Amino acid sequence: MTSEAPRWYKSSYSDNGGACLEAADNFAATHGIVPIRDSKNPTGPQLAFPTAAFALFVASVKSRAAGIA
């Protein structure tokens, strides 16, 4: 990635006993990626998704949660 440190966060809806993902959106505008990691293993591997793909994923999850899809 870059020398810039990711600023990790979990969704405010993530209160399910630790089975969460964390995202670092501070690379979205400057690098076009959104890194993702397992919140239970913060020193483990990370995946980086293109910003557009991550936005589509989030929109899909939101629409399913709202009963749209």
C-alpha atoms as a PDB file:
ATOM      1  CA  MET A   1       0.000   0.000   0.000  1.00  0.00           C
ATOM      2  CA  THR A   2       1.543   3.340   0.995  1.00  0.00           C
ATOM      3  CA  SER A   3       3.528   4.770   3.897  1.00  0.00           C
ATOM      4  CA  GLU A   4       0.343   6.504   5.068  1.00  0.00           C
ATOM      5  CA  ALA A   5      -1.271   4.584   7.945  1.00  0.00           C
ATOM      6  CA  PRO A   6      -4.804   3.268   7.455  1.00  0.00           C
ATOM      7  CA  ARG A   7      -7.442   4.740   9.775  1.00  0.00           C
ATOM      8  CA  TRP A   8      -9.492   1.647  10.623  1.00  0.00           C
ATOM      9  CA  TYR A   9     -13.133   1.744  11.657  1.00  0.00           C
ATOM     10  CA  LYS A  10     -16.043  -0.625  12.157  1.00  0.00           C
ATOM     11  CA  SER A  11     -19.621   0.104  11.289  1.00  0.00           C
ATOM     12  CA  SER A  12     -21.718   1.487  14.108  1.00  0.00           C
ATOM     13  CA  TYR A  13     -24.015  -1.506  13.443  1.00  0.00           C
ATOM     14  CA  SER A  14     -21.204  -3.963  14.282  1.00  0.00           C
ATOM     15  CA  ASP A  15     -22.049  -5.217  17.740  1.00  0.00           C
ATOM     16  CA  ASN A  16     -22.293  -8.911  17.037  1.00  0.00           C
ATOM     17  CA  GLY A  17     -19.622 -10.419  19.258  1.00  0.00           C
ATOM     18  CA  GLY A  18     -16.545  -9.626  17.196  1.00  0.00           C
ATOM     19  CA  ALA A  19     -17.387 -11.117  13.800  1.00  0.00           C
ATOM     20  CA  CYS A  20     -16.722  -7.823  12.055  1.00  0.00           C
ATOM     21  CA  LEU A  21     -14.722  -6.343   9.256  1.00  0.00           C
ATOM     22  CA  GLU A  22     -12.845  -3.087   9.551  1.00  0.00           C
ATOM     23  CA  ALA A  23     -12.336  -0.706   6.650  1.00  0.00           C
ATOM     24  CA  ALA A  24      -9.929   2.167   6.151  1.00  0.00           C
ATOM     25  CA  ASP A  25     -11.544   4.728   3.885  1.00  0.00           C
ATOM     26  CA  ASN A  26      -8.725   7.281   4.051  1.00  0.00           C
ATOM     27  CA  PHE A  27      -7.168   5.741   0.902  1.00  0.00           C
ATOM     28  CA  ALA A  28     -10.343   6.026  -1.191  1.00  0.00           C
ATOM     29  CA  ALA A  29      -9.833   9.526  -2.578  1.00  0.00           C
ATOM     30  CA  THR A  30      -6.045   9.485  -2.874  1.00  0.00           C
ATOM     31  CA  HIS A  31      -5.383   5.897  -3.977  1.00  0.00           C
ATOM     32  CA  GLY A  32      -8.734   4.605  -5.223  1.00  0.00           C
ATOM     33  CA  ILE A  33      -8.792   1.648  -2.827  1.00  0.00           C
ATOM     34  CA  VAL A  34     -10.497   0.638   0.417  1.00  0.00           C
ATOM     35  CA  PRO A  35      -8.428  -1.733   2.589  1.00  0.00           C
ATOM     36  CA  ILE A  36     -10.385  -4.323   4.618  1.00  0.00           C
ATOM     37  CA  ARG A  37      -9.275  -6.533   7.528  1.00  0.00           C
ATOM     38  CA  ASP A  38     -10.729  -8.953  10.073  1.00  0.00           C
ATOM     39  CA  SER A  39     -11.382  -7.112  13.335  1.00  0.00           C
ATOM     40  CA  LYS A  40     -10.451 -10.226  15.327  1.00  0.00           C
ATOM     41  CA  ASN A  41      -7.007 -10.344  13.677  1.00  0.00           C
ATOM     42  CA  PRO A  42      -5.816  -6.731  13.206  1.00  0.00           C
ATOM     43  CA  THR A  43      -2.228  -7.785  12.455  1.00  0.00           C
ATOM     44  CA  GLY A  44      -3.344 -10.377   9.913  1.00  0.00           C
ATOM     45  CA  PRO A  45      -3.768 -10.041   6.169  1.00  0.00           C
ATOM     46  CA  GLN A  46      -5.582  -7.182   4.518  1.00  0.00           C
ATOM     47  CA  LEU A  47      -7.479  -7.008   1.263  1.00  0.00           C
ATOM     48  CA  ALA A  48      -7.696  -3.866  -0.841  1.00  0.00           C
ATOM     49  CA  PHE A  49     -10.729  -3.315  -3.054  1.00  0.00           C
ATOM     50  CA  PRO A  50     -11.177  -0.659  -5.724  1.00  0.00           C
ATOM     51  CA  THR A  51     -13.330   2.166  -4.379  1.00  0.00           C
ATOM     52  CA  ALA A  52     -16.107   1.567  -6.924  1.00  0.00           C
ATOM     53  CA  ALA A  53     -16.306  -2.147  -6.066  1.00  0.00           C
ATOM     54  CA  PHE A  54     -16.480  -1.408  -2.341  1.00  0.00           C
ATOM     55  CA  ALA A  55     -19.198   1.211  -2.889  1.00  0.00           C
ATOM     56  CA  LEU A  56     -21.228  -1.323  -4.899  1.00  0.00           C
ATOM     57  CA  PHE A  57     -20.800  -3.908  -2.115  1.00  0.00           C
ATOM     58  CA  VAL A  58     -21.987  -1.446   0.554  1.00  0.00           C
ATOM     59  CA  ALA A  59     -24.966  -0.369  -1.568  1.00  0.00           C
ATOM     60  CA  SER A  60     -25.930  -4.012  -2.089  1.00  0.00           C
ATOM     61  CA  VAL A  61     -25.762  -4.787   1.627  1.00  0.00           C
ATOM     62  CA  LYS A  62     -27.825  -1.703   2.439  1.00  0.00           C
ATOM     63  CA  SER A  63     -30.500  -2.544  -0.139  1.00  0.00           C
ATOM     64  CA  ARG A  64     -30.805  -6.110   1.143  1.00  0.00           C
ATOM     65  CA  ALA A  65     -31.036  -4.885   4.737  1.00  0.00           C
ATOM     66  CA  ALA A  66     -33.826  -2.541   3.667  1.00  0.00           C
ATOM     67  CA  GLY A  67     -35.617  -5.384   1.879  1.00  0.00           C
ATOM     68  CA  ILE A  68     -35.164  -3.807  -1.552  1.00  0.00           C
ATOM     69  CA  ALA A  69     -33.337  -6.676  -3.277  1.00  0.00           C
END
